[in-house]
Amino acid sequence: MPILTEDVHAVIEVAQLAFVATVTPDGLPNLSPKGTLRAWDDDRVFFLDIASPKTRANLIRNPKIEINVVDQLSRRGYRLFGTAALHYDGSEVYDEAITRLFADRAVPYPVACVVLVDVERAEPVYSPAYMRIDTEAEMRDTWRERRRALDDAFDEYCRDSPFEPPPGERRA
């Protein structure tokens, strides 16, 4: 039986942002956002290491990983637990991952490696709001409206206080 069910696949595809937890040499958690998480097959996921040297170093030392992926509107998702392997430019996994994400387009940023995770278990995670909201459709409608208000407020903040990337991290 596959670990990544049809529902897990659907959540990964729609979420567009996941958080990866690794362990530092000091035994502390390291949390890193990932915008490239995709299912590889029914038992593995992958993401690109674009700007995460700490995550990469942690995985070289200890390949255990937890990935949290949640759909914002449905307020539910999965915790994926597994073991990661790093694949570098020139490997079959690296080349396949780049093709899956970018097809024939140019890769828009440097990719240090592809992290392929053998998922050992997947646990559902969902909002306590389901104690008062009966259906996922109702949850999505509620959060769609709330999301709109939050986006409007943040748009206003961004107009007043625009973000500037740190020097040296801008595209040339």
N, C-alpha and C. Protein backbone atom coordinates (compact mmCIF):
# COMPACT_ATOMS: atom_id res chain seq x y z
N MET A 1 0.83 -1.18 0.00
CA MET A 1 0.00 0.00 0.00
C MET A 1 0.88 1.25 0.00
N PRO A 2 0.63 2.19 -0.89
CA PRO A 2 1.48 3.38 -0.96
C PRO A 2 1.33 4.26 0.29
N ILE A 3 2.41 4.89 0.68
CA ILE A 3 2.38 5.81 1.81
C ILE A 3 1.74 7.13 1.40
N LEU A 4 2.06 7.57 0.19
CA LEU A 4 1.50 8.83 -0.31
C LEU A 4 0.22 8.53 -1.06
N THR A 5 -0.89 8.69 -0.37
CA THR A 5 -2.20 8.44 -0.96
C THR A 5 -2.53 9.52 -2.00
N GLU A 6 -3.64 9.34 -2.67
CA GLU A 6 -4.11 10.35 -3.62
C GLU A 6 -4.30 11.70 -2.91
N ASP A 7 -4.79 11.66 -1.67
CA ASP A 7 -5.00 12.90 -0.92
C ASP A 7 -3.67 13.58 -0.59
N VAL A 8 -2.67 12.81 -0.19
CA VAL A 8 -1.36 13.40 0.10
C VAL A 8 -0.81 14.05 -1.17
N HIS A 9 -0.91 13.36 -2.29
CA HIS A 9 -0.46 13.93 -3.57
C HIS A 9 -1.17 15.26 -3.83
N ALA A 10 -2.49 15.29 -3.63
CA ALA A 10 -3.27 16.49 -3.92
C ALA A 10 -2.85 17.65 -3.02
N VAL A 11 -2.62 17.39 -1.74
CA VAL A 11 -2.21 18.45 -0.83
C VAL A 11 -0.83 18.97 -1.20
N ILE A 12 0.09 18.09 -1.52
CA ILE A 12 1.44 18.52 -1.93
C ILE A 12 1.35 19.42 -3.16
N GLU A 13 0.54 19.03 -4.11
CA GLU A 13 0.44 19.79 -5.36
C GLU A 13 -0.14 21.18 -5.14
N VAL A 14 -1.12 21.30 -4.27
CA VAL A 14 -1.80 22.59 -4.09
C VAL A 14 -1.09 23.50 -3.09
N ALA A 15 -0.37 22.95 -2.14
CA ALA A 15 0.17 23.75 -1.04
C ALA A 15 1.20 24.78 -1.50
N GLN A 16 2.10 24.40 -2.38
CA GLN A 16 3.12 25.29 -2.91
C GLN A 16 4.14 25.78 -1.89
N LEU A 17 3.98 25.42 -0.63
CA LEU A 17 4.98 25.75 0.38
C LEU A 17 4.91 24.69 1.47
N ALA A 18 6.07 24.17 1.81
CA ALA A 18 6.18 23.17 2.87
C ALA A 18 7.31 23.60 3.80
N PHE A 19 7.35 23.00 4.96
CA PHE A 19 8.41 23.29 5.91
C PHE A 19 9.13 22.00 6.25
N VAL A 20 10.46 22.05 6.15
CA VAL A 20 11.32 20.89 6.36
C VAL A 20 12.06 21.06 7.67
N ALA A 21 11.99 20.05 8.51
CA ALA A 21 12.69 20.07 9.80
C ALA A 21 13.84 19.07 9.78
N THR A 22 15.00 19.57 10.17
CA THR A 22 16.19 18.73 10.34
C THR A 22 16.76 19.02 11.73
N VAL A 23 17.84 18.35 12.08
CA VAL A 23 18.45 18.52 13.40
C VAL A 23 19.87 19.05 13.23
N THR A 24 20.18 20.12 13.98
CA THR A 24 21.52 20.73 13.93
C THR A 24 22.51 19.87 14.70
N PRO A 25 23.81 20.16 14.56
CA PRO A 25 24.81 19.41 15.33
C PRO A 25 24.60 19.51 16.84
N ASP A 26 23.97 20.61 17.29
CA ASP A 26 23.71 20.81 18.72
C ASP A 26 22.44 20.10 19.18
N GLY A 27 21.76 19.42 18.25
CA GLY A 27 20.52 18.73 18.59
C GLY A 27 19.30 19.64 18.57
N LEU A 28 19.45 20.84 18.01
CA LEU A 28 18.34 21.78 17.94
C LEU A 28 17.60 21.62 16.61
N PRO A 29 16.32 22.00 16.57
CA PRO A 29 15.59 21.91 15.30
C PRO A 29 16.02 23.00 14.33
N ASN A 30 16.02 22.68 13.06
CA ASN A 30 16.25 23.63 11.99
C ASN A 30 15.05 23.52 11.05
N LEU A 31 14.34 24.61 10.87
CA LEU A 31 13.14 24.62 10.04
C LEU A 31 13.40 25.49 8.82
N SER A 32 13.08 24.96 7.64
CA SER A 32 13.37 25.66 6.40
C SER A 32 12.18 25.54 5.44
N PRO A 33 11.71 26.68 4.92
CA PRO A 33 10.60 26.62 3.96
C PRO A 33 11.07 26.12 2.60
N LYS A 34 10.19 25.38 1.93
CA LYS A 34 10.50 24.83 0.61
C LYS A 34 9.33 25.08 -0.33
N GLY A 35 9.61 25.69 -1.45
CA GLY A 35 8.57 25.95 -2.45
C GLY A 35 8.60 24.99 -3.61
N THR A 36 9.46 23.98 -3.55
CA THR A 36 9.59 23.04 -4.67
C THR A 36 9.22 21.61 -4.31
N LEU A 37 8.57 21.39 -3.17
CA LEU A 37 8.22 20.03 -2.77
C LEU A 37 7.25 19.42 -3.78
N ARG A 38 7.57 18.20 -4.23
CA ARG A 38 6.70 17.46 -5.14
C ARG A 38 6.79 15.97 -4.79
N ALA A 39 5.76 15.24 -5.16
CA ALA A 39 5.80 13.79 -5.01
C ALA A 39 6.69 13.23 -6.12
N TRP A 40 7.54 12.29 -5.77
CA TRP A 40 8.37 11.59 -6.76
C TRP A 40 7.59 10.39 -7.28
N ASP A 41 7.00 9.66 -6.34
CA ASP A 41 6.15 8.51 -6.64
C ASP A 41 5.25 8.31 -5.42
N ASP A 42 4.74 7.12 -5.19
CA ASP A 42 3.81 6.91 -4.08
C ASP A 42 4.49 6.71 -2.73
N ASP A 43 5.81 6.70 -2.70
CA ASP A 43 6.53 6.50 -1.44
C ASP A 43 7.65 7.50 -1.20
N ARG A 44 7.86 8.42 -2.14
CA ARG A 44 8.96 9.38 -2.01
C ARG A 44 8.52 10.78 -2.45
N VAL A 45 9.14 11.78 -1.84
CA VAL A 45 8.97 13.17 -2.25
C VAL A 45 10.35 13.75 -2.50
N PHE A 46 10.38 14.90 -3.17
CA PHE A 46 11.66 15.57 -3.39
C PHE A 46 11.46 17.07 -3.33
N PHE A 47 12.57 17.77 -3.10
CA PHE A 47 12.60 19.22 -3.20
C PHE A 47 14.00 19.63 -3.61
N LEU A 48 14.12 20.85 -4.09
CA LEU A 48 15.42 21.38 -4.50
C LEU A 48 16.06 22.13 -3.35
N ASP A 49 17.35 21.94 -3.19
CA ASP A 49 18.12 22.77 -2.25
C ASP A 49 18.64 23.94 -3.06
N ILE A 50 17.99 25.09 -2.88
CA ILE A 50 18.36 26.30 -3.63
C ILE A 50 19.21 27.22 -2.77
N ALA A 51 18.85 27.39 -1.52
CA ALA A 51 19.58 28.32 -0.65
C ALA A 51 19.52 27.83 0.79
N SER A 52 19.84 26.57 1.00
CA SER A 52 19.71 25.98 2.34
C SER A 52 20.95 25.19 2.75
N PRO A 53 22.09 25.87 2.87
CA PRO A 53 23.30 25.12 3.23
C PRO A 53 23.21 24.47 4.62
N LYS A 54 22.46 25.07 5.55
CA LYS A 54 22.33 24.46 6.89
C LYS A 54 21.50 23.17 6.81
N THR A 55 20.41 23.21 6.04
CA THR A 55 19.59 22.01 5.88
C THR A 55 20.43 20.90 5.25
N ARG A 56 21.17 21.25 4.20
CA ARG A 56 22.01 20.26 3.51
C ARG A 56 23.05 19.68 4.47
N ALA A 57 23.74 20.52 5.24
CA ALA A 57 24.75 20.04 6.19
C ALA A 57 24.12 19.14 7.25
N ASN A 58 22.93 19.53 7.73
CA ASN A 58 22.25 18.70 8.73
C ASN A 58 21.90 17.33 8.16
N LEU A 59 21.43 17.30 6.90
CA LEU A 59 21.05 16.02 6.29
C LEU A 59 22.26 15.14 5.98
N ILE A 60 23.39 15.74 5.68
CA ILE A 60 24.61 14.94 5.46
C ILE A 60 24.99 14.23 6.75
N ARG A 61 24.85 14.93 7.87
CA ARG A 61 25.20 14.37 9.17
C ARG A 61 24.12 13.40 9.68
N ASN A 62 22.84 13.77 9.48
CA ASN A 62 21.72 12.96 9.97
C ASN A 62 20.60 13.06 8.94
N PRO A 63 20.36 12.02 8.17
CA PRO A 63 19.40 12.11 7.05
C PRO A 63 17.92 12.05 7.45
N LYS A 64 17.64 11.97 8.75
CA LYS A 64 16.24 11.94 9.18
C LYS A 64 15.61 13.32 8.98
N ILE A 65 14.34 13.32 8.54
CA ILE A 65 13.69 14.57 8.15
C ILE A 65 12.20 14.48 8.44
N GLU A 66 11.61 15.63 8.75
CA GLU A 66 10.15 15.74 8.80
C GLU A 66 9.76 16.90 7.90
N ILE A 67 8.72 16.67 7.12
CA ILE A 67 8.19 17.69 6.22
C ILE A 67 6.73 17.93 6.58
N ASN A 68 6.38 19.19 6.76
CA ASN A 68 4.98 19.56 7.01
C ASN A 68 4.46 20.30 5.79
N VAL A 69 3.35 19.82 5.27
CA VAL A 69 2.72 20.45 4.11
C VAL A 69 1.23 20.58 4.40
N VAL A 70 0.73 21.82 4.32
CA VAL A 70 -0.66 22.11 4.70
C VAL A 70 -1.27 23.03 3.66
N ASP A 71 -2.47 22.71 3.23
CA ASP A 71 -3.21 23.61 2.35
C ASP A 71 -3.80 24.72 3.22
N GLN A 72 -3.52 25.97 2.86
CA GLN A 72 -3.95 27.11 3.68
C GLN A 72 -5.46 27.21 3.80
N LEU A 73 -6.18 27.01 2.71
CA LEU A 73 -7.63 27.18 2.76
C LEU A 73 -8.34 26.02 3.46
N SER A 74 -7.89 24.81 3.19
CA SER A 74 -8.52 23.65 3.84
C SER A 74 -8.07 23.48 5.28
N ARG A 75 -6.96 24.12 5.62
CA ARG A 75 -6.43 24.05 6.98
C ARG A 75 -6.14 22.61 7.39
N ARG A 76 -5.61 21.84 6.43
CA ARG A 76 -5.24 20.46 6.73
C ARG A 76 -4.11 20.04 5.80
N GLY A 77 -3.41 19.03 6.22
CA GLY A 77 -2.32 18.54 5.41
C GLY A 77 -1.70 17.31 6.04
N TYR A 78 -0.36 17.20 5.93
CA TYR A 78 0.34 16.00 6.37
C TYR A 78 1.70 16.31 6.95
N ARG A 79 2.08 15.47 7.90
CA ARG A 79 3.45 15.41 8.40
C ARG A 79 4.07 14.18 7.74
N LEU A 80 5.15 14.39 7.01
CA LEU A 80 5.84 13.30 6.32
C LEU A 80 7.17 13.05 7.04
N PHE A 81 7.38 11.82 7.47
CA PHE A 81 8.59 11.44 8.18
C PHE A 81 9.40 10.51 7.29
N GLY A 82 10.71 10.74 7.21
CA GLY A 82 11.49 9.86 6.37
C GLY A 82 12.98 10.07 6.47
N THR A 83 13.66 9.51 5.47
CA THR A 83 15.10 9.57 5.37
C THR A 83 15.46 10.18 4.03
N ALA A 84 16.33 11.18 4.06
CA ALA A 84 16.69 11.94 2.87
C ALA A 84 18.01 11.46 2.27
N ALA A 85 18.10 11.59 0.96
CA ALA A 85 19.35 11.36 0.24
C ALA A 85 19.57 12.56 -0.68
N LEU A 86 20.81 13.03 -0.75
CA LEU A 86 21.15 14.19 -1.57
C LEU A 86 21.69 13.72 -2.91
N HIS A 87 21.20 14.35 -3.97
CA HIS A 87 21.61 14.00 -5.34
C HIS A 87 22.09 15.27 -6.04
N TYR A 88 23.29 15.18 -6.62
CA TYR A 88 23.93 16.36 -7.19
C TYR A 88 23.87 16.36 -8.71
N ASP A 89 24.19 17.52 -9.28
CA ASP A 89 24.18 17.72 -10.72
C ASP A 89 24.91 16.58 -11.43
N GLY A 90 24.26 16.05 -12.45
CA GLY A 90 24.84 14.94 -13.20
C GLY A 90 24.26 13.59 -12.82
N SER A 91 23.60 13.51 -11.67
CA SER A 91 22.99 12.24 -11.29
C SER A 91 21.63 12.10 -11.99
N GLU A 92 21.17 10.88 -12.13
CA GLU A 92 19.86 10.65 -12.76
C GLU A 92 18.73 11.31 -11.98
N VAL A 93 18.78 11.22 -10.66
CA VAL A 93 17.72 11.82 -9.83
C VAL A 93 17.71 13.33 -10.02
N TYR A 94 18.87 13.96 -9.98
CA TYR A 94 18.96 15.41 -10.16
C TYR A 94 18.35 15.81 -11.50
N ASP A 95 18.79 15.15 -12.55
CA ASP A 95 18.31 15.50 -13.89
C ASP A 95 16.80 15.30 -14.02
N GLU A 96 16.28 14.21 -13.47
CA GLU A 96 14.84 13.95 -13.53
C GLU A 96 14.05 14.99 -12.74
N ALA A 97 14.53 15.35 -11.56
CA ALA A 97 13.84 16.35 -10.73
C ALA A 97 13.79 17.70 -11.44
N ILE A 98 14.89 18.11 -12.03
CA ILE A 98 14.93 19.38 -12.76
C ILE A 98 13.95 19.34 -13.93
N THR A 99 13.90 18.23 -14.64
CA THR A 99 12.96 18.09 -15.76
C THR A 99 11.52 18.15 -15.25
N ARG A 100 11.23 17.48 -14.15
CA ARG A 100 9.86 17.49 -13.63
C ARG A 100 9.41 18.89 -13.22
N LEU A 101 10.31 19.66 -12.65
CA LEU A 101 9.93 20.99 -12.18
C LEU A 101 9.95 22.05 -13.27
N PHE A 102 10.87 21.95 -14.21
CA PHE A 102 11.05 23.03 -15.17
C PHE A 102 10.81 22.64 -16.62
N ALA A 103 10.63 21.36 -16.89
CA ALA A 103 10.41 20.87 -18.26
C ALA A 103 11.50 21.43 -19.16
N ASP A 104 11.10 22.20 -20.16
CA ASP A 104 12.08 22.74 -21.11
C ASP A 104 12.52 24.16 -20.79
N ARG A 105 12.02 24.72 -19.69
CA ARG A 105 12.40 26.09 -19.32
C ARG A 105 13.78 26.08 -18.67
N ALA A 106 14.41 27.23 -18.72
CA ALA A 106 15.70 27.38 -18.05
C ALA A 106 15.47 27.38 -16.54
N VAL A 107 16.39 26.79 -15.80
CA VAL A 107 16.31 26.78 -14.35
C VAL A 107 16.62 28.20 -13.87
N PRO A 108 15.70 28.82 -13.12
CA PRO A 108 15.84 30.24 -12.80
C PRO A 108 16.79 30.58 -11.65
N TYR A 109 17.35 29.59 -10.98
CA TYR A 109 18.25 29.85 -9.87
C TYR A 109 19.19 28.67 -9.70
N PRO A 110 20.30 28.89 -8.99
CA PRO A 110 21.25 27.78 -8.80
C PRO A 110 20.69 26.73 -7.85
N VAL A 111 20.84 25.48 -8.22
CA VAL A 111 20.35 24.36 -7.41
C VAL A 111 21.56 23.59 -6.89
N ALA A 112 21.73 23.58 -5.58
CA ALA A 112 22.87 22.89 -4.98
C ALA A 112 22.72 21.38 -5.10
N CYS A 113 21.50 20.89 -4.85
CA CYS A 113 21.24 19.46 -4.97
C CYS A 113 19.73 19.22 -4.92
N VAL A 114 19.36 18.00 -5.22
CA VAL A 114 17.98 17.54 -5.08
C VAL A 114 17.94 16.65 -3.85
N VAL A 115 16.97 16.89 -2.99
CA VAL A 115 16.79 16.07 -1.80
C VAL A 115 15.61 15.13 -2.08
N LEU A 116 15.91 13.84 -2.13
CA LEU A 116 14.90 12.81 -2.35
C LEU A 116 14.66 12.10 -1.02
N VAL A 117 13.40 12.08 -0.59
CA VAL A 117 13.05 11.56 0.72
C VAL A 117 12.23 10.28 0.58
N ASP A 118 12.74 9.20 1.18
CA ASP A 118 11.96 7.97 1.33
C ASP A 118 11.02 8.20 2.50
N VAL A 119 9.73 8.34 2.22
CA VAL A 119 8.75 8.62 3.27
C VAL A 119 8.40 7.31 3.98
N GLU A 120 8.64 7.29 5.28
CA GLU A 120 8.38 6.09 6.08
C GLU A 120 6.97 6.09 6.65
N ARG A 121 6.45 7.28 6.91
CA ARG A 121 5.05 7.39 7.34
C ARG A 121 4.53 8.79 7.08
N ALA A 122 3.23 8.87 6.94
CA ALA A 122 2.54 10.15 6.72
C ALA A 122 1.40 10.23 7.72
N GLU A 123 1.37 11.31 8.47
CA GLU A 123 0.32 11.50 9.47
C GLU A 123 -0.50 12.74 9.11
N PRO A 124 -1.82 12.64 9.14
CA PRO A 124 -2.64 13.81 8.85
C PRO A 124 -2.51 14.86 9.95
N VAL A 125 -2.64 16.10 9.56
CA VAL A 125 -2.66 17.21 10.50
C VAL A 125 -3.79 18.14 10.05
N TYR A 126 -4.58 18.62 11.00
CA TYR A 126 -5.68 19.49 10.62
C TYR A 126 -5.99 20.46 11.75
N SER A 127 -6.63 21.54 11.37
CA SER A 127 -6.94 22.63 12.28
C SER A 127 -7.99 22.22 13.30
N PRO A 128 -7.85 22.70 14.53
CA PRO A 128 -8.91 22.51 15.52
C PRO A 128 -10.21 23.21 15.10
N ALA A 129 -10.15 24.09 14.11
CA ALA A 129 -11.37 24.75 13.63
C ALA A 129 -12.39 23.74 13.12
N TYR A 130 -11.94 22.53 12.77
CA TYR A 130 -12.89 21.50 12.33
C TYR A 130 -13.81 21.05 13.48
N MET A 131 -13.49 21.47 14.71
CA MET A 131 -14.40 21.17 15.82
C MET A 131 -15.67 22.02 15.73
N ARG A 132 -15.59 23.13 14.99
CA ARG A 132 -16.76 24.01 14.87
C ARG A 132 -17.24 24.19 13.44
N ILE A 133 -16.44 23.75 12.48
CA ILE A 133 -16.80 23.83 11.06
C ILE A 133 -17.00 22.41 10.56
N ASP A 134 -18.14 22.16 9.91
CA ASP A 134 -18.53 20.79 9.58
C ASP A 134 -17.89 20.22 8.33
N THR A 135 -17.63 21.05 7.31
CA THR A 135 -17.15 20.50 6.05
C THR A 135 -15.91 21.23 5.57
N GLU A 136 -15.16 20.55 4.73
CA GLU A 136 -13.98 21.17 4.14
C GLU A 136 -14.38 22.34 3.24
N ALA A 137 -15.51 22.21 2.53
CA ALA A 137 -15.98 23.30 1.68
C ALA A 137 -16.26 24.56 2.50
N GLU A 138 -16.89 24.38 3.65
CA GLU A 138 -17.16 25.52 4.54
C GLU A 138 -15.85 26.12 5.06
N MET A 139 -14.90 25.25 5.41
CA MET A 139 -13.59 25.72 5.88
C MET A 139 -12.91 26.56 4.80
N ARG A 140 -12.94 26.05 3.58
CA ARG A 140 -12.28 26.76 2.47
C ARG A 140 -12.95 28.11 2.21
N ASP A 141 -14.27 28.15 2.26
CA ASP A 141 -14.98 29.42 2.06
C ASP A 141 -14.63 30.42 3.16
N THR A 142 -14.62 29.93 4.40
CA THR A 142 -14.29 30.80 5.54
C THR A 142 -12.89 31.38 5.39
N TRP A 143 -11.92 30.53 5.06
CA TRP A 143 -10.54 30.99 4.96
C TRP A 143 -10.25 31.74 3.67
N ARG A 144 -11.01 31.47 2.63
CA ARG A 144 -10.85 32.24 1.40
C ARG A 144 -11.16 33.71 1.69
N GLU A 145 -12.26 33.93 2.41
CA GLU A 145 -12.65 35.29 2.79
C GLU A 145 -11.61 35.90 3.74
N ARG A 146 -11.19 35.15 4.72
CA ARG A 146 -10.19 35.63 5.68
C ARG A 146 -8.87 35.90 4.98
N ARG A 147 -8.47 35.01 4.06
CA ARG A 147 -7.22 35.17 3.32
C ARG A 147 -7.24 36.46 2.52
N ARG A 148 -8.38 36.75 1.89
CA ARG A 148 -8.52 37.99 1.12
C ARG A 148 -8.26 39.21 2.01
N ALA A 149 -8.86 39.22 3.19
CA ALA A 149 -8.68 40.34 4.12
C ALA A 149 -7.22 40.44 4.57
N LEU A 150 -6.60 39.30 4.88
CA LEU A 150 -5.20 39.31 5.28
C LEU A 150 -4.30 39.80 4.15
N ASP A 151 -4.57 39.34 2.93
CA ASP A 151 -3.77 39.79 1.78
C ASP A 151 -3.92 41.28 1.55
N ASP A 152 -5.14 41.81 1.66
CA ASP A 152 -5.36 43.25 1.49
C ASP A 152 -4.57 44.04 2.53
N ALA A 153 -4.61 43.59 3.77
CA ALA A 153 -3.88 44.28 4.84
C ALA A 153 -2.38 44.21 4.61
N PHE A 154 -1.88 43.06 4.16
CA PHE A 154 -0.44 42.94 3.94
C PHE A 154 -0.02 43.72 2.70
N ASP A 155 -0.87 43.78 1.69
CA ASP A 155 -0.57 44.62 0.51
C ASP A 155 -0.36 46.06 0.93
N GLU A 156 -1.22 46.54 1.81
CA GLU A 156 -1.09 47.92 2.29
C GLU A 156 0.22 48.09 3.06
N TYR A 157 0.54 47.13 3.92
CA TYR A 157 1.80 47.18 4.65
C TYR A 157 2.99 47.21 3.68
N CYS A 158 2.94 46.38 2.65
CA CYS A 158 4.05 46.30 1.68
C CYS A 158 4.21 47.61 0.90
N ARG A 159 3.10 48.26 0.61
CA ARG A 159 3.20 49.57 -0.07
C ARG A 159 3.90 50.58 0.82
N ASP A 160 3.59 50.53 2.12
CA ASP A 160 4.17 51.48 3.07
C ASP A 160 5.59 51.11 3.50
N SER A 161 5.89 49.83 3.52
CA SER A 161 7.19 49.34 4.00
C SER A 161 7.71 48.24 3.08
N PRO A 162 8.12 48.58 1.87
CA PRO A 162 8.53 47.54 0.92
C PRO A 162 9.75 46.76 1.40
N PHE A 163 9.72 45.47 1.16
CA PHE A 163 10.82 44.57 1.50
C PHE A 163 11.97 44.79 0.52
N GLU A 164 13.17 44.81 1.03
CA GLU A 164 14.38 44.88 0.21
C GLU A 164 15.26 43.69 0.55
N PRO A 165 15.56 42.84 -0.43
CA PRO A 165 16.46 41.72 -0.14
C PRO A 165 17.81 42.23 0.36
N PRO A 166 18.47 41.47 1.22
CA PRO A 166 19.80 41.88 1.71
C PRO A 166 20.78 42.06 0.55
N PRO A 167 21.74 42.96 0.71
CA PRO A 167 22.75 43.15 -0.35
C PRO A 167 23.41 41.83 -0.69
N GLY A 168 23.67 41.63 -1.97
CA GLY A 168 24.30 40.39 -2.43
C GLY A 168 23.33 39.28 -2.73
N GLU A 169 22.06 39.45 -2.42
CA GLU A 169 21.08 38.40 -2.70
C GLU A 169 20.11 38.79 -3.80
N ARG A 170 20.38 39.89 -4.45
CA ARG A 170 19.54 40.32 -5.56
C ARG A 170 20.00 39.66 -6.84
N ARG A 171 19.07 39.49 -7.73
CA ARG A 171 19.39 38.96 -9.05
C ARG A 171 20.14 40.03 -9.83
N ALA A 172 21.15 39.62 -10.56
CA ALA A 172 21.93 40.57 -11.37
C ALA A 172 21.16 40.95 -12.61
